[in-house]
Protein backbone atom coordinates (compact mmCIF):
# COMPACT_ATOMS: atom_id res chain seq x y z
CA MET A 1 62.79 165.48 133.57
CA LYS A 2 66.40 166.54 133.12
CA SER A 3 67.13 168.51 129.94
CA PRO A 4 69.83 167.20 127.61
CA SER A 5 73.34 169.00 127.59
CA PRO A 6 73.94 171.59 124.91
CA ARG A 7 76.30 169.23 123.09
CA LEU A 8 73.69 166.26 123.02
CA ALA A 9 71.15 168.71 121.85
CA CYS A 10 73.38 169.90 118.99
CA ALA A 11 74.30 166.30 117.94
CA ARG A 12 70.59 165.39 117.87
CA TRP A 13 69.78 168.50 115.96
CA LEU A 14 72.49 167.80 113.45
CA LEU A 15 71.16 164.08 112.94
CA VAL A 16 67.76 165.13 112.54
CA ALA A 17 68.61 167.90 110.04
CA GLY A 18 70.54 165.53 108.07
CA GLY A 19 67.68 162.98 108.21
CA LEU A 20 65.31 165.45 107.11
CA VAL A 21 67.38 166.88 104.22
CA TRP A 22 68.05 163.24 102.92
CA GLY A 23 64.43 162.15 103.35
CA ILE A 24 62.94 165.18 101.61
CA SER A 25 65.50 165.51 98.63
CA ALA A 26 66.60 161.85 98.17
CA PRO A 27 63.80 161.03 95.67
CA GLY A 28 64.49 164.09 93.65
CA PHE A 29 68.24 163.53 93.55
CA ALA A 30 67.85 159.92 92.94
CA SER A 31 65.66 160.60 89.86
CA ALA A 32 67.73 163.62 88.79
CA GLN A 33 71.22 162.61 89.45
CA PRO A 34 72.28 158.95 89.09
CA ALA A 35 75.85 158.06 89.87
CA HIS A 36 78.45 156.98 87.20
CA GLY A 37 77.66 153.88 85.47
CA GLN A 38 73.93 153.74 86.03
CA HIS A 39 73.13 154.64 82.42
CA GLY A 40 75.94 152.87 80.83
CA ASP A 41 76.79 153.99 77.42
CA HIS A 42 73.91 155.96 75.71
CA GLN A 43 73.26 155.21 71.94
CA ASP A 44 70.77 156.85 69.84
CA PRO A 45 68.51 154.37 68.06
CA PRO A 46 68.00 154.50 64.59
CA HIS A 47 64.61 155.94 65.06
CA GLN A 48 62.97 157.52 67.95
CA HIS A 49 59.31 156.92 68.87
CA GLY A 50 57.29 159.60 66.80
CA GLU A 51 60.01 160.59 64.40
CA GLU A 52 58.68 158.09 61.71
CA HIS A 53 55.39 160.11 61.74
CA GLY A 54 57.24 163.48 61.24
CA GLN A 55 56.77 164.50 64.87
CA PRO A 56 59.41 165.54 67.44
CA ALA A 57 60.61 162.80 69.49
CA ALA A 58 59.26 162.57 73.06
CA GLN A 59 61.47 163.72 76.15
CA GLU A 60 63.49 160.41 77.04
CA HIS A 61 66.54 162.15 78.53
CA PRO A 62 65.51 165.15 80.70
CA PRO A 63 67.62 164.31 83.55
CA GLU A 64 70.87 164.73 81.67
CA HIS A 65 69.52 167.87 79.87
CA GLY A 66 68.77 169.40 83.26
CA HIS A 67 72.19 168.28 84.59
CA MET A 68 74.15 170.02 81.88
CA ALA A 69 72.30 173.33 82.70
CA LEU A 70 72.91 172.85 86.54
CA MET A 71 76.34 172.15 85.96
CA GLN A 72 77.36 175.35 84.15
CA GLY A 73 78.71 178.06 86.32
CA PRO A 74 79.54 181.64 85.86
CA LEU A 75 81.16 182.69 82.53
CA GLY A 76 80.31 179.11 81.26
CA SER A 77 82.91 177.47 83.62
CA SER A 78 82.01 174.21 85.16
CA ARG A 79 80.59 174.07 88.90
CA ALA A 80 83.32 171.20 89.44
CA ARG A 81 85.86 174.03 89.95
CA MET A 82 84.30 175.03 92.98
CA GLY A 83 86.52 174.29 96.04
CA SER A 84 86.28 175.50 99.72
CA GLY A 85 85.29 179.20 100.24
CA THR A 86 86.12 180.89 96.87
CA SER A 87 88.97 178.53 96.12
CA TRP A 88 89.21 176.84 92.65
CA LEU A 89 89.73 172.94 91.73
CA PRO A 90 90.44 171.73 88.17
CA ASP A 91 87.38 171.98 85.85
CA SER A 92 87.51 168.08 85.15
CA SER A 93 87.33 167.25 88.87
CA PRO A 94 84.56 164.81 89.61
CA MET A 95 81.75 165.90 91.92
CA TYR A 96 80.78 163.58 94.67
CA GLY A 97 77.25 164.86 95.70
CA LEU A 98 73.60 164.87 94.95
CA MET A 99 72.10 167.68 92.79
CA MET A 100 68.56 168.56 91.70
CA PRO A 101 67.04 171.65 90.15
CA LEU A 102 65.49 174.42 92.36
CA GLY A 103 63.23 176.65 90.07
CA ASP A 104 65.72 178.41 87.91
CA GLY A 105 68.63 177.40 90.32
CA GLY A 106 69.80 174.34 91.85
CA LEU A 107 70.37 172.31 95.13
CA MET A 108 73.40 170.34 95.89
CA PHE A 109 74.27 168.13 98.95
CA HIS A 110 77.91 166.92 99.73
CA GLY A 111 79.28 164.86 102.83
CA ASN A 112 82.05 162.54 103.68
CA VAL A 113 81.85 160.61 106.87
CA PHE A 114 84.54 158.22 108.25
CA ALA A 115 84.34 155.95 111.47
CA GLY A 116 87.08 153.78 112.48
CA TYR A 117 89.87 152.61 114.62
CA ASP A 118 93.07 154.91 114.90
CA TRP A 119 96.35 153.82 116.22
CA PHE A 120 99.76 155.45 116.45
CA GLY A 121 102.84 153.98 118.17
CA SER A 122 105.88 155.75 119.80
CA ASP A 123 106.07 157.18 123.27
CA ARG A 124 103.68 159.86 122.28
CA GLY A 125 101.30 157.57 120.39
CA SER A 126 97.84 156.41 121.41
CA ASP A 127 94.70 154.81 119.82
CA ARG A 128 90.99 155.63 119.79
CA ILE A 129 87.78 154.78 117.83
CA ILE A 130 87.13 158.01 116.09
CA GLY A 131 84.44 159.67 113.75
CA VAL A 132 85.60 162.23 111.23
CA ASN A 133 82.75 163.91 109.26
CA SER A 134 81.21 166.88 107.49
CA ILE A 135 77.90 167.53 105.45
CA MET A 136 77.40 170.41 103.25
CA GLY A 137 74.22 171.83 101.43
CA MET A 138 74.44 174.49 98.85
CA ALA A 139 71.83 176.38 96.84
CA TRP A 140 71.86 178.72 94.02
CA HIS A 141 69.41 180.96 91.97
CA PRO A 142 69.71 184.00 89.69
CA VAL A 143 69.06 187.25 91.62
CA GLY A 144 69.29 190.42 89.34
CA PRO A 145 72.36 190.45 86.97
CA GLY A 146 74.24 187.75 88.85
CA GLU A 147 73.91 184.31 90.65
CA PHE A 148 73.35 184.09 94.49
CA THR A 149 74.67 181.08 96.26
CA ALA A 150 74.14 180.19 99.95
CA ARG A 151 76.23 177.32 101.72
CA VAL A 152 76.03 175.56 104.94
CA MET A 153 78.70 172.89 106.04
CA LEU A 154 78.39 171.22 109.59
CA SER A 155 80.49 168.59 111.32
CA ALA A 156 79.51 166.42 114.26
CA GLU A 157 83.32 166.14 115.22
CA PRO A 158 82.83 167.88 118.60
CA ALA A 159 80.97 164.82 119.69
CA THR A 160 82.60 162.05 117.49
CA VAL A 161 86.19 162.94 118.02
CA GLY A 162 85.89 165.08 121.25
CA LYS A 163 87.92 168.03 122.60
CA ARG A 164 91.26 166.37 122.60
CA GLY A 165 91.01 165.33 118.84
CA TYR A 166 92.21 162.08 117.38
CA PRO A 167 95.57 160.38 117.46
CA LEU A 168 97.98 161.81 114.76
CA ILE A 169 101.81 161.71 115.46
CA LEU A 170 103.64 164.72 114.87
CA GLN A 171 100.62 166.92 114.48
CA THR A 172 100.21 170.22 116.19
CA GLY A 173 97.98 172.96 116.48
CA GLU A 174 95.25 174.44 118.89
CA THR A 175 94.26 173.59 122.55
CA ALA A 176 92.26 171.37 124.90
CA ASP A 177 91.62 172.31 128.67
CA GLY A 178 93.89 175.32 128.00
CA GLU A 179 96.97 173.33 127.05
CA PRO A 180 98.45 173.07 123.34
CA LEU A 181 97.66 169.87 121.57
CA HIS A 182 100.46 167.78 120.20
CA ASP A 183 100.45 164.52 118.32
CA ARG A 184 96.69 164.72 117.78
CA GLN A 185 94.52 166.47 115.33
CA HIS A 186 91.82 168.86 116.80
CA PRO A 187 88.25 168.29 115.93
CA HIS A 188 86.41 170.68 113.42
CA ASP A 189 83.54 172.95 114.77
CA LEU A 190 79.98 172.28 114.15
CA PHE A 191 79.84 175.17 111.96
CA MET A 192 82.35 174.72 109.25
CA GLU A 193 80.79 177.20 106.90
CA LEU A 194 77.77 179.57 106.82
CA GLY A 195 78.52 181.68 103.79
CA LEU A 196 76.79 183.79 101.00
CA LEU A 197 78.22 184.36 97.62
CA TYR A 198 77.15 186.82 94.84
CA THR A 199 78.58 186.31 91.36
CA VAL A 200 78.02 188.90 88.63
CA PRO A 201 79.29 188.58 84.88
CA LEU A 202 80.34 191.93 83.69
CA SER A 203 80.64 190.65 80.11
CA SER A 204 81.31 187.35 78.45
CA SER A 205 84.85 187.19 79.68
CA ILE A 206 85.11 188.73 83.10
CA GLY A 207 83.02 188.93 86.46
CA VAL A 208 83.40 190.04 89.99
CA GLN A 209 82.41 187.96 92.98
CA VAL A 210 81.58 188.99 96.80
CA TYR A 211 81.78 186.30 99.56
CA ALA A 212 80.49 186.91 103.14
CA ALA A 213 80.58 184.32 105.79
CA PRO A 214 80.24 184.35 109.60
CA ALA A 215 81.92 181.15 109.28
CA GLY A 216 83.86 180.49 106.27
CA GLU A 217 87.26 180.44 104.48
CA PRO A 218 89.35 183.64 103.27
CA ALA A 219 91.43 183.77 100.15
CA LEU A 220 94.46 182.03 101.80
CA GLY A 221 95.87 178.58 100.68
CA PRO A 222 94.80 175.95 98.54
CA THR A 223 91.32 174.35 98.63
CA ALA A 224 91.15 172.87 102.02
CA PHE A 225 91.92 169.26 102.57
CA PRO A 226 88.40 168.11 103.29
CA HIS A 227 87.34 169.48 100.04
CA ARG A 228 90.32 168.31 97.72
CA ILE A 229 89.57 165.27 95.48
CA SER A 230 93.21 164.24 95.95
CA ALA A 231 92.29 163.68 99.67
CA ILE A 232 88.80 162.55 99.42
CA SER A 233 89.67 158.83 100.65
CA ASP A 234 92.03 159.86 103.25
CA PRO A 235 90.27 160.23 106.69
CA LEU A 236 93.28 162.17 108.47
CA ALA A 237 94.44 165.70 108.24
CA PRO A 238 97.77 166.72 106.85
CA LEU A 239 100.77 167.43 109.22
CA GLY A 240 101.07 170.64 107.38
CA HIS A 241 97.53 171.75 107.99
CA HIS A 242 98.41 174.91 110.17
CA TRP A 243 100.98 176.04 107.59
CA GLN A 244 98.87 175.66 104.61
CA ASP A 245 94.98 175.74 104.92
CA SER A 246 94.13 176.10 108.76
CA THR A 247 92.19 179.16 108.06
CA HIS A 248 89.22 177.25 106.12
CA ILE A 249 87.18 177.77 109.36
CA ALA A 250 87.53 181.43 110.10
CA PHE A 251 84.58 183.18 112.06
CA GLY A 252 84.06 186.30 110.13
CA VAL A 253 85.09 186.57 106.45
CA VAL A 254 84.52 189.07 103.65
CA THR A 255 86.26 188.48 100.21
CA ALA A 256 85.88 190.41 96.97
CA GLY A 257 87.44 189.34 93.64
CA VAL A 258 87.48 189.80 89.86
CA PHE A 259 87.81 186.83 87.64
CA THR A 260 87.87 185.49 84.08
CA ARG A 261 87.47 181.81 82.59
CA HIS A 262 91.11 181.30 83.61
CA PHE A 263 92.37 183.68 86.31
CA LYS A 264 90.78 185.04 89.55
CA LEU A 265 92.48 187.60 91.72
CA GLU A 266 90.80 188.08 95.21
CA GLY A 267 91.29 189.66 98.64
CA SER A 268 89.90 189.03 102.01
CA TRP A 269 89.35 190.86 105.26
CA PHE A 270 88.69 188.20 108.00
CA ASN A 271 89.15 187.08 111.57
CA GLY A 272 92.41 185.35 111.95
CA ARG A 273 92.00 183.93 115.42
CA GLU A 274 91.94 180.22 115.59
CA PRO A 275 88.68 178.51 117.00
CA ASP A 276 88.42 178.24 120.72
CA GLU A 277 87.65 175.15 122.62
CA GLY A 278 83.93 175.75 122.56
CA ARG A 279 83.07 173.79 119.24
CA TRP A 280 79.43 174.19 119.27
CA ASP A 281 79.32 177.84 118.64
CA LEU A 282 80.45 180.72 116.33
CA ASP A 283 83.56 182.49 117.63
CA LEU A 284 82.89 185.88 116.18
CA ARG A 285 85.29 188.72 116.57
CA VAL A 286 85.96 191.95 114.64
CA PRO A 287 87.98 190.89 111.55
CA ASP A 288 91.76 191.71 112.13
CA SER A 289 93.59 189.78 109.24
CA TYR A 290 93.94 190.31 105.61
CA SER A 291 95.01 188.23 102.49
CA GLY A 292 95.21 188.01 98.80
CA ARG A 293 95.30 185.19 96.32
CA LEU A 294 95.82 184.71 92.71
CA SER A 295 94.29 181.51 90.98
CA TRP A 296 94.91 180.18 87.52
CA ASN A 297 93.26 177.31 85.71
CA PRO A 298 95.10 177.14 82.44
CA ASN A 299 92.98 174.22 81.20
CA ALA A 300 90.71 171.64 82.43
CA SER A 301 93.17 169.48 84.33
CA TRP A 302 95.17 172.04 86.06
CA SER A 303 94.42 174.51 89.14
CA LEU A 304 97.14 176.64 90.56
CA GLN A 305 97.19 179.33 93.22
CA GLY A 306 99.73 181.54 95.17
CA SER A 307 98.52 183.45 98.35
CA TYR A 308 99.63 185.71 101.26
CA GLY A 309 98.12 186.35 104.42
CA TYR A 310 98.80 188.45 107.70
CA LEU A 311 97.30 187.25 110.86
CA PRO A 312 97.94 189.64 113.80
CA SER A 313 97.04 187.39 116.58
CA PRO A 314 96.15 183.88 115.35
CA GLU A 315 96.73 181.77 118.66
CA PRO A 316 94.63 182.45 121.72
CA ASN A 317 97.33 181.22 124.02
CA ALA A 318 100.10 183.51 122.50
CA PRO A 319 97.99 186.67 121.58
CA THR A 320 100.86 188.96 121.04
CA ILE A 321 102.46 186.76 118.31
CA SER A 322 101.63 187.68 114.65
CA LEU A 323 102.03 185.61 111.66
CA HIS A 324 102.80 186.10 107.95
CA ARG A 325 101.93 182.96 105.84
CA VAL A 326 102.72 182.38 102.33
CA THR A 327 101.36 179.40 100.24
CA ALA A 328 101.45 178.06 96.73
CA SER A 329 99.80 175.00 95.35
CA ALA A 330 99.02 173.11 92.13
CA THR A 331 96.48 170.47 91.65
CA TYR A 332 96.16 168.07 88.60
CA ASN A 333 93.12 166.01 87.74
CA GLN A 334 92.89 163.67 84.84
CA ARG A 335 89.86 161.49 83.92
CA MET A 336 90.68 158.01 82.63
CA GLY A 337 87.29 156.61 82.00
CA ASP A 338 83.71 156.96 82.88
CA GLU A 339 84.78 155.83 86.45
CA ALA A 340 88.55 156.20 86.65
CA ASN A 341 90.06 159.35 87.96
CA TRP A 342 93.64 160.44 89.26
CA ALA A 343 93.83 163.60 91.28
CA THR A 344 97.09 164.94 92.77
CA THR A 345 98.01 167.95 94.68
CA PHE A 346 101.16 169.70 95.75
CA VAL A 347 101.17 172.29 98.37
CA PHE A 348 103.92 174.56 99.87
CA GLY A 349 103.25 176.76 103.09
CA GLU A 350 105.45 178.97 105.06
CA ASN A 351 104.73 180.58 108.54
CA ILE A 352 106.89 183.65 109.39
CA GLU A 353 105.97 184.33 113.02
CA SER A 354 106.91 187.65 114.97
CA GLU A 355 108.93 185.52 117.45
CA GLY A 356 110.89 182.51 116.48
CA PRO A 357 112.30 181.24 113.16
CA PRO A 358 110.36 180.91 109.93
CA THR A 359 108.94 177.22 109.49
CA HIS A 360 107.74 175.71 106.23
CA SER A 361 105.97 172.52 104.86
CA PHE A 362 105.64 170.60 101.75
CA LEU A 363 102.88 168.28 100.84
CA LEU A 364 102.21 165.83 97.88
CA GLU A 365 98.98 163.66 97.97
CA SER A 366 97.25 161.64 95.35
CA ASN A 367 94.13 159.85 94.84
CA LEU A 368 93.76 157.07 92.25
CA ASN A 369 90.27 155.87 91.65
CA ILE A 370 90.81 152.95 89.31
CA ASP A 371 87.19 151.74 88.31
CA GLY A 372 84.84 153.36 90.74
CA HIS A 373 85.36 150.72 93.27
CA HIS A 374 89.12 150.11 93.92
CA VAL A 375 90.88 153.44 95.08
CA VAL A 376 94.51 153.82 96.24
CA TYR A 377 95.66 156.94 97.86
CA GLY A 378 98.83 158.33 99.39
CA ARG A 379 100.33 161.36 101.05
CA ALA A 380 104.07 162.27 101.53
CA GLU A 381 105.02 165.37 103.71
CA TYR A 382 107.77 167.33 104.92
CA VAL A 383 107.45 169.93 107.76
CA ARG A 384 109.74 171.86 109.86
CA LYS A 385 108.23 172.55 113.31
CA THR A 386 109.71 174.09 116.24
CA GLY A 387 110.16 172.65 119.89
CA HIS A 388 107.35 175.18 120.86
CA ASP A 389 105.20 173.84 118.05
CA LEU A 390 105.66 170.32 119.37
CA VAL A 391 105.07 171.36 122.96
CA LEU A 392 108.66 170.08 124.14
CA PRO A 393 110.46 171.61 127.37
CA SER A 394 110.95 175.38 126.90
CA GLU A 395 114.69 175.08 126.30
CA PHE A 396 113.85 173.59 122.88
CA ASP A 397 111.35 176.44 122.04
CA GLU A 398 113.32 178.11 119.32
CA ARG A 399 114.94 174.94 118.04
CA GLY A 400 113.69 173.77 114.60
CA PHE A 401 113.20 170.03 113.91
CA ASP A 402 112.66 168.28 110.47
CA LEU A 403 109.86 165.87 110.48
CA GLY A 404 108.47 163.76 107.72
CA MET A 405 105.47 161.28 107.14
CA LEU A 406 104.35 158.90 104.58
CA ALA A 407 100.87 157.44 104.36
CA LEU A 408 99.28 154.86 101.91
CA GLY A 409 95.88 153.65 102.01
CA TYR A 410 93.34 151.52 100.02
CA VAL A 411 89.46 151.79 100.08
CA TYR A 412 87.02 149.54 98.31
CA TYR A 413 83.70 151.25 97.38
CA PHE A 414 80.38 149.23 97.11
CA GLY A 415 77.29 150.20 95.02
CA PRO A 416 76.49 152.87 94.59
CA LEU A 417 73.57 152.19 96.76
CA ALA A 418 70.76 154.81 96.50
CA SER A 419 73.19 157.38 95.17
CA MET A 420 75.65 156.92 98.10
CA ALA A 421 78.97 155.05 97.98
CA PRO A 422 79.79 153.03 101.10
CA GLY A 423 83.49 152.23 101.55
CA LEU A 424 85.79 149.88 103.56
CA GLY A 425 89.42 151.25 103.77
CA VAL A 426 92.79 150.89 105.60
CA ARG A 427 95.65 153.40 106.17
CA GLY A 428 99.07 152.89 106.90
CA THR A 429 101.63 155.51 108.08
CA ALA A 430 105.40 155.84 108.71
CA GLY A 431 106.74 159.04 110.44
CA VAL A 432 110.36 160.25 110.30
CA VAL A 433 111.70 162.39 113.10
CA GLU A 434 115.29 163.96 113.88
CA GLY A 435 117.47 162.23 116.05
CA GLY A 436 117.16 164.76 118.72
CA LEU A 437 113.67 163.82 119.11
CA ASP A 438 114.39 160.22 120.27
CA PRO A 439 113.98 161.00 123.98
CA PHE A 440 110.29 162.08 123.39
CA TYR A 441 109.40 159.72 120.94
CA GLY A 442 111.23 156.69 121.79
CA ASN A 443 112.22 155.96 118.06
CA ARG A 444 112.88 157.82 114.86
CA PHE A 445 110.21 156.12 112.82
CA PRO A 446 106.98 156.13 114.68
CA LEU A 447 104.18 153.98 112.97
CA GLY A 448 100.52 154.29 112.63
CA ALA A 449 97.41 152.34 111.15
CA MET A 450 93.72 152.85 110.75
CA VAL A 451 90.77 150.83 109.56
CA PHE A 452 87.68 152.39 108.79
CA VAL A 453 84.29 152.59 106.95
CA GLN A 454 83.36 155.55 104.74
CA LEU A 455 80.01 156.88 103.24
CA ARG A 456 79.90 159.67 100.80
CA PRO A 457 77.58 160.32 97.88
CA ALA A 458 78.57 158.63 94.53
CA ALA A 459 80.14 160.58 91.71
CA MET A 460 77.56 162.81 90.01
CA SER A 461 76.74 161.78 86.40
CA MET A 462 78.93 164.39 84.68
CA GLN A 463 79.96 161.99 81.90
CA ASN A 464 76.41 160.33 81.48
CA ARG A 465 75.43 162.74 78.68
CA PRO A 466 73.73 161.23 75.59
CA ARG A 467 76.47 160.09 73.03
CA GLY A 468 74.25 161.31 70.31
CA ARG A 469 72.05 164.51 69.91
CA PRO A 470 69.47 164.36 72.76
CA ALA A 471 66.22 163.14 71.15
CA ALA A 472 64.16 165.25 73.70
CA LEU A 473 64.88 168.67 71.85
CA SER A 474 63.29 170.29 69.18
CA VAL A 475 65.74 171.22 66.16
CA GLU A 476 66.48 174.69 67.49
CA GLU A 477 67.04 173.56 71.08
CA GLY A 478 69.00 170.50 69.88
CA ASP A 479 71.38 172.62 67.82
CA ALA A 480 72.17 174.86 70.72
CA GLU A 481 72.50 171.64 72.87
CA ALA A 482 74.72 169.98 70.60
CA VAL A 483 77.18 172.88 70.50
CA GLU A 484 77.44 173.25 74.26
CA PHE A 485 77.64 169.52 74.49
CA ALA A 486 80.60 169.51 72.19
CA VAL A 487 82.33 172.49 73.85
CA GLY A 488 81.87 170.98 77.36
CA THR A 489 83.31 167.70 76.08
CA LEU A 490 86.23 169.23 74.36
CA ARG A 491 86.79 171.45 77.43
CA ASP A 492 86.87 168.36 79.90
CA HIS A 493 89.48 166.76 77.43
CA GLY A 494 91.82 169.99 77.84
CA VAL A 495 91.16 171.59 74.66
CA ASP A 496 92.37 175.46 75.06
CA ASP A 497 89.41 177.88 75.44
CA LEU A 498 90.74 180.06 72.70
CA VAL A 499 90.54 177.28 70.06
CA LEU A 500 87.03 176.42 71.45
CA ARG A 501 85.93 179.93 70.93
CA VAL A 502 87.19 180.12 67.32
CA VAL A 503 85.23 176.92 66.64
CA SER A 504 81.97 177.60 68.50
CA GLU A 505 81.38 181.44 68.13
CA PRO A 506 80.51 181.20 64.49
CA LEU A 507 78.06 178.37 65.27
CA ARG A 508 76.39 180.39 68.38
CA ASP A 509 76.09 183.43 66.16
CA ARG A 510 74.09 181.28 63.60
CA LEU A 511 71.88 180.27 66.48
CA ALA A 512 71.46 183.73 67.63
CA HIS A 513 70.15 184.72 64.21
CA GLY A 514 67.71 181.74 64.10
CA VAL A 515 69.70 179.90 61.45
CA SER A 516 69.84 176.19 61.80
CA ILE A 517 73.15 174.09 61.75
CA PRO A 518 73.10 171.61 58.86
CA ARG A 519 73.72 168.11 59.89
CA PRO A 520 75.27 165.21 57.84
CA ARG A 521 72.83 162.63 56.79
């Protein structure tokens, strides 16, 4: 009997692994973390069963209580701020995933799967049925003085997109059959992340973090587009990907950083070479690149970063050309109700190559979740690319071209069904090219469209906390829970940490000395 090809074997393995993870964990996830709206508005009844007899109330809300503990990260920050690699998102960001306790730690599952028909016009356009996807598992547990986290992120795009990628007019980067890709987006590798993270608080206000990954992301650029809430409904990559966050898959990364509740300063040593055309393996090399990043979360709604990186040989087909990259970004997230959320990201990225002129990019993208079902999203971009980037005849290699792209889309999400949110969406695109590119594209305004289905986890029940004091707790536990619940709620609504500290520390001090907090009757 003929053995299956390596690609088919890997694809089967990925599907089987995903099915096993879902089959084993779904019952626990479903019971522990329902999606938004499944509980509705919790109200404490006037009397809980047992209270009228002077006994503590029975435990009626264990999922929410466990969820609150699971959601708290190092230094009391929210796990919602975890982006790709070691990057940060706003603390108020919704989390689309499935979570359950794992001993003293936790287990989380993420994923985002798109399948649809992708079409772009112009003389360089094409069309294809594609599948864009990723799944991610993460587990964390206390180890010694800190917390140990393991992450695995996989993609089946080597099979569902193929080596030549999917149609995306004006896109550039990486190769297929030894030739540079143009007007197509390359597939992601099977191994998008295999990373280990160890975080140690040195005090209540400062901590250190070490990240090591045979496949992972260095401290360079914003949270990568597959992980941004502002891009969660958009199936296609940004045009400025290779100016902003293309190192989100680097095969060999070590990062160390120091952080507070609001700031993080970190540096990375990593393999800066782009992935090769063999998408099913790890392209390990001795690290040759370095980067540094400063992140700032001033409050629950904002996350900003600035970063710099040096990559001595990023392109395998041009190994003698080095690259300096500078990026800056700001992400804003606004909760507008139990279901509604508005996330927006601005990104600037510049590449300064050892040969050729500097080129830069700007991106503004937004995702407006109106009510948990209706979502409108959009992206506006400007990128300056050279003729070499666009794979034009050699006489255009050093010439720069101004390119623009506007994309608007809509998704309707059903359910949630078994903690998942299936969606049906559309995307429309209008590009803008310089007049000098007319001979290659046939017109200055190439158009594109896509219709697709999407499947991702529903938003986790971050807001499904009991509105009153949880009846499941004793007086002492209820005191501590009430304080942390109030602090978390105020932080989610943008109250400054200094104000929270002034208000909450006297209450915490009372609890530490065994003094109960009086309640109004």
